[in-house]
Amino acid sequence: MLKHQTCKVCMNRDKFNYNVPDSLWKAVVPEKYQNRVVCLSCFDDFALKKGIEIRGALNTPLYFVGDKVAYEFKLVKSNQ
């Protein structure tokens, strides 16, 4: 069972459990937060500020955990 965590950047409850490669995490997230919980929104903000492209970098599955329901999202690639 997934539990809610609190982002240590914005202090909001983190509703997405995500994973990115370690090398990308270290490039995007400031050192003071690298061993802390960083929500997907703050991760995206850090990447934007540093000009680092993260499109397609999330490892799947991606989990959303709400108060009454949890969803698992998987990347599906088309043959195109």
N, C-alpha and C. Protein backbone atom coordinates (compact mmCIF):
# COMPACT_ATOMS: atom_id res chain seq x y z
N MET A 1 0.84 -1.18 0.00
CA MET A 1 0.00 0.00 0.00
C MET A 1 0.88 1.24 0.00
N LEU A 2 0.59 2.16 -0.89
CA LEU A 2 1.35 3.41 -0.97
C LEU A 2 0.82 4.40 0.05
N LYS A 3 1.72 5.15 0.64
CA LYS A 3 1.33 6.15 1.63
C LYS A 3 1.64 7.53 1.09
N HIS A 4 0.90 8.52 1.59
CA HIS A 4 1.16 9.91 1.22
C HIS A 4 2.43 10.39 1.91
N GLN A 5 3.22 11.13 1.17
CA GLN A 5 4.41 11.77 1.72
C GLN A 5 4.25 13.27 1.52
N THR A 6 5.09 14.04 2.17
CA THR A 6 5.07 15.48 2.03
C THR A 6 6.31 15.93 1.28
N CYS A 7 6.12 16.72 0.24
CA CYS A 7 7.23 17.28 -0.52
C CYS A 7 8.01 18.21 0.41
N LYS A 8 9.31 18.06 0.44
CA LYS A 8 10.14 18.87 1.31
C LYS A 8 10.51 20.21 0.68
N VAL A 9 10.05 20.44 -0.56
CA VAL A 9 10.28 21.73 -1.22
C VAL A 9 9.07 22.63 -0.99
N CYS A 10 7.88 22.19 -1.38
CA CYS A 10 6.67 23.01 -1.29
C CYS A 10 5.82 22.69 -0.07
N MET A 11 6.14 21.61 0.61
CA MET A 11 5.44 21.15 1.81
C MET A 11 4.01 20.69 1.55
N ASN A 12 3.65 20.44 0.31
CA ASN A 12 2.34 19.89 -0.02
C ASN A 12 2.40 18.37 -0.01
N ARG A 13 1.24 17.77 0.16
CA ARG A 13 1.18 16.31 0.12
C ARG A 13 1.47 15.85 -1.30
N ASP A 14 2.36 14.90 -1.41
CA ASP A 14 2.75 14.36 -2.71
C ASP A 14 1.78 13.26 -3.09
N LYS A 15 1.04 13.45 -4.18
CA LYS A 15 0.05 12.46 -4.60
C LYS A 15 0.57 11.54 -5.69
N PHE A 16 1.76 11.83 -6.23
CA PHE A 16 2.33 10.97 -7.27
C PHE A 16 3.60 10.31 -6.77
N ASN A 17 3.67 9.01 -6.96
CA ASN A 17 4.89 8.27 -6.66
C ASN A 17 5.54 8.00 -8.01
N TYR A 18 6.69 8.59 -8.25
CA TYR A 18 7.35 8.49 -9.54
C TYR A 18 8.81 8.11 -9.36
N ASN A 19 9.44 7.75 -10.45
CA ASN A 19 10.84 7.34 -10.41
C ASN A 19 11.52 7.84 -11.68
N VAL A 20 12.71 8.40 -11.52
CA VAL A 20 13.53 8.83 -12.66
C VAL A 20 14.93 8.25 -12.48
N PRO A 21 15.70 8.16 -13.54
CA PRO A 21 17.07 7.67 -13.41
C PRO A 21 17.88 8.53 -12.43
N ASP A 22 18.76 7.89 -11.69
CA ASP A 22 19.58 8.60 -10.69
C ASP A 22 20.35 9.76 -11.29
N SER A 23 20.89 9.58 -12.49
CA SER A 23 21.68 10.65 -13.12
C SER A 23 20.81 11.88 -13.40
N LEU A 24 19.58 11.67 -13.79
CA LEU A 24 18.66 12.79 -14.04
C LEU A 24 18.27 13.45 -12.72
N TRP A 25 17.98 12.66 -11.71
CA TRP A 25 17.63 13.20 -10.39
C TRP A 25 18.74 14.12 -9.89
N LYS A 26 19.98 13.68 -9.99
CA LYS A 26 21.11 14.49 -9.52
C LYS A 26 21.30 15.75 -10.34
N ALA A 27 20.98 15.69 -11.62
CA ALA A 27 21.14 16.87 -12.49
C ALA A 27 20.03 17.89 -12.24
N VAL A 28 18.83 17.42 -11.91
CA VAL A 28 17.67 18.30 -11.79
C VAL A 28 17.47 18.83 -10.37
N VAL A 29 17.54 17.97 -9.38
CA VAL A 29 17.19 18.32 -8.00
C VAL A 29 18.39 18.94 -7.29
N PRO A 30 18.20 20.11 -6.68
CA PRO A 30 19.30 20.73 -5.91
C PRO A 30 19.80 19.77 -4.82
N GLU A 31 21.07 19.82 -4.56
CA GLU A 31 21.72 18.89 -3.64
C GLU A 31 21.01 18.81 -2.28
N LYS A 32 20.54 19.93 -1.77
CA LYS A 32 19.91 19.91 -0.44
C LYS A 32 18.63 19.09 -0.39
N TYR A 33 18.03 18.80 -1.55
CA TYR A 33 16.79 18.00 -1.60
C TYR A 33 17.00 16.61 -2.18
N GLN A 34 18.20 16.25 -2.58
CA GLN A 34 18.41 15.00 -3.28
C GLN A 34 18.09 13.75 -2.46
N ASN A 35 18.15 13.83 -1.16
CA ASN A 35 17.80 12.69 -0.31
C ASN A 35 16.48 12.91 0.41
N ARG A 36 15.63 13.73 -0.18
CA ARG A 36 14.34 14.07 0.42
C ARG A 36 13.22 13.78 -0.58
N VAL A 37 12.00 13.89 -0.13
CA VAL A 37 10.83 13.74 -1.00
C VAL A 37 10.65 15.03 -1.79
N VAL A 38 10.59 14.90 -3.12
CA VAL A 38 10.34 16.03 -4.01
C VAL A 38 9.15 15.63 -4.89
N CYS A 39 8.07 16.40 -4.82
CA CYS A 39 6.89 16.07 -5.61
C CYS A 39 7.18 16.24 -7.11
N LEU A 40 6.34 15.65 -7.90
CA LEU A 40 6.51 15.70 -9.35
C LEU A 40 6.44 17.14 -9.86
N SER A 41 5.57 17.95 -9.27
CA SER A 41 5.46 19.34 -9.69
C SER A 41 6.75 20.12 -9.42
N CYS A 42 7.33 19.94 -8.25
CA CYS A 42 8.58 20.63 -7.92
C CYS A 42 9.73 20.10 -8.78
N PHE A 43 9.74 18.79 -9.03
CA PHE A 43 10.76 18.21 -9.91
C PHE A 43 10.68 18.86 -11.29
N ASP A 44 9.46 19.00 -11.80
CA ASP A 44 9.25 19.64 -13.10
C ASP A 44 9.72 21.09 -13.08
N ASP A 45 9.41 21.82 -11.99
CA ASP A 45 9.85 23.21 -11.86
C ASP A 45 11.37 23.32 -11.86
N PHE A 46 12.05 22.44 -11.13
CA PHE A 46 13.51 22.45 -11.09
C PHE A 46 14.09 22.20 -12.49
N ALA A 47 13.51 21.24 -13.20
CA ALA A 47 13.99 20.91 -14.55
C ALA A 47 13.81 22.11 -15.48
N LEU A 48 12.66 22.77 -15.40
CA LEU A 48 12.40 23.94 -16.23
C LEU A 48 13.41 25.05 -15.95
N LYS A 49 13.64 25.33 -14.68
CA LYS A 49 14.59 26.38 -14.30
C LYS A 49 16.01 26.09 -14.77
N LYS A 50 16.36 24.81 -14.82
CA LYS A 50 17.70 24.42 -15.27
C LYS A 50 17.77 24.15 -16.76
N GLY A 51 16.63 24.20 -17.43
CA GLY A 51 16.61 23.95 -18.88
C GLY A 51 16.89 22.50 -19.24
N ILE A 52 16.51 21.59 -18.35
CA ILE A 52 16.74 20.16 -18.57
C ILE A 52 15.45 19.51 -19.06
N GLU A 53 15.53 18.84 -20.19
CA GLU A 53 14.38 18.16 -20.78
C GLU A 53 14.11 16.87 -20.01
N ILE A 54 12.89 16.71 -19.52
CA ILE A 54 12.56 15.49 -18.79
C ILE A 54 11.46 14.69 -19.48
N ARG A 55 11.01 15.15 -20.62
CA ARG A 55 9.96 14.43 -21.36
C ARG A 55 10.43 13.01 -21.66
N GLY A 56 9.63 12.04 -21.28
CA GLY A 56 9.96 10.65 -21.52
C GLY A 56 10.92 10.05 -20.51
N ALA A 57 11.32 10.82 -19.50
CA ALA A 57 12.32 10.34 -18.54
C ALA A 57 11.75 9.61 -17.35
N LEU A 58 10.44 9.74 -17.12
CA LEU A 58 9.85 9.05 -15.98
C LEU A 58 9.85 7.55 -16.24
N ASN A 59 10.35 6.82 -15.26
CA ASN A 59 10.26 5.36 -15.34
C ASN A 59 8.85 4.98 -14.94
N THR A 60 8.31 3.97 -15.57
CA THR A 60 6.96 3.56 -15.22
C THR A 60 7.02 2.32 -14.35
N PRO A 61 6.03 2.03 -13.58
CA PRO A 61 4.76 2.74 -13.55
C PRO A 61 4.84 4.02 -12.72
N LEU A 62 3.87 4.89 -12.96
CA LEU A 62 3.68 6.12 -12.20
C LEU A 62 2.40 5.90 -11.40
N TYR A 63 2.46 6.20 -10.12
CA TYR A 63 1.30 5.97 -9.25
C TYR A 63 0.69 7.29 -8.80
N PHE A 64 -0.62 7.37 -8.82
CA PHE A 64 -1.37 8.47 -8.22
C PHE A 64 -2.08 7.90 -7.00
N VAL A 65 -1.94 8.57 -5.87
CA VAL A 65 -2.59 8.11 -4.65
C VAL A 65 -3.48 9.23 -4.13
N GLY A 66 -4.78 9.04 -4.28
CA GLY A 66 -5.75 10.00 -3.76
C GLY A 66 -6.23 9.57 -2.39
N ASP A 67 -7.27 10.21 -1.91
CA ASP A 67 -7.81 9.86 -0.60
C ASP A 67 -8.68 8.61 -0.65
N LYS A 68 -9.31 8.36 -1.79
CA LYS A 68 -10.21 7.21 -1.89
C LYS A 68 -9.80 6.20 -2.94
N VAL A 69 -8.84 6.56 -3.77
CA VAL A 69 -8.47 5.67 -4.86
C VAL A 69 -7.00 5.86 -5.22
N ALA A 70 -6.41 4.81 -5.76
CA ALA A 70 -5.04 4.88 -6.27
C ALA A 70 -5.05 4.35 -7.70
N TYR A 71 -4.25 4.97 -8.55
CA TYR A 71 -4.14 4.54 -9.94
C TYR A 71 -2.69 4.25 -10.27
N GLU A 72 -2.50 3.30 -11.15
CA GLU A 72 -1.18 2.97 -11.67
C GLU A 72 -1.20 3.28 -13.16
N PHE A 73 -0.25 4.12 -13.59
CA PHE A 73 -0.16 4.48 -15.00
C PHE A 73 1.08 3.80 -15.59
N LYS A 74 0.92 3.24 -16.77
CA LYS A 74 2.04 2.60 -17.47
C LYS A 74 2.25 3.27 -18.81
N LEU A 75 3.50 3.37 -19.21
CA LEU A 75 3.84 3.92 -20.51
C LEU A 75 3.54 2.89 -21.59
N VAL A 76 2.81 3.34 -22.59
CA VAL A 76 2.50 2.47 -23.72
C VAL A 76 3.05 3.16 -24.96
N LYS A 77 3.93 2.49 -25.67
CA LYS A 77 4.53 3.07 -26.88
C LYS A 77 3.80 2.55 -28.10
N SER A 78 3.54 3.47 -29.02
CA SER A 78 2.88 3.07 -30.26
C SER A 78 3.92 2.55 -31.24
N ASN A 79 3.48 1.89 -32.26
CA ASN A 79 4.37 1.36 -33.29
C ASN A 79 4.68 2.41 -34.36
N GLN A 80 4.20 3.63 -34.19
CA GLN A 80 4.40 4.67 -35.21
C GLN A 80 5.71 5.33 -35.05
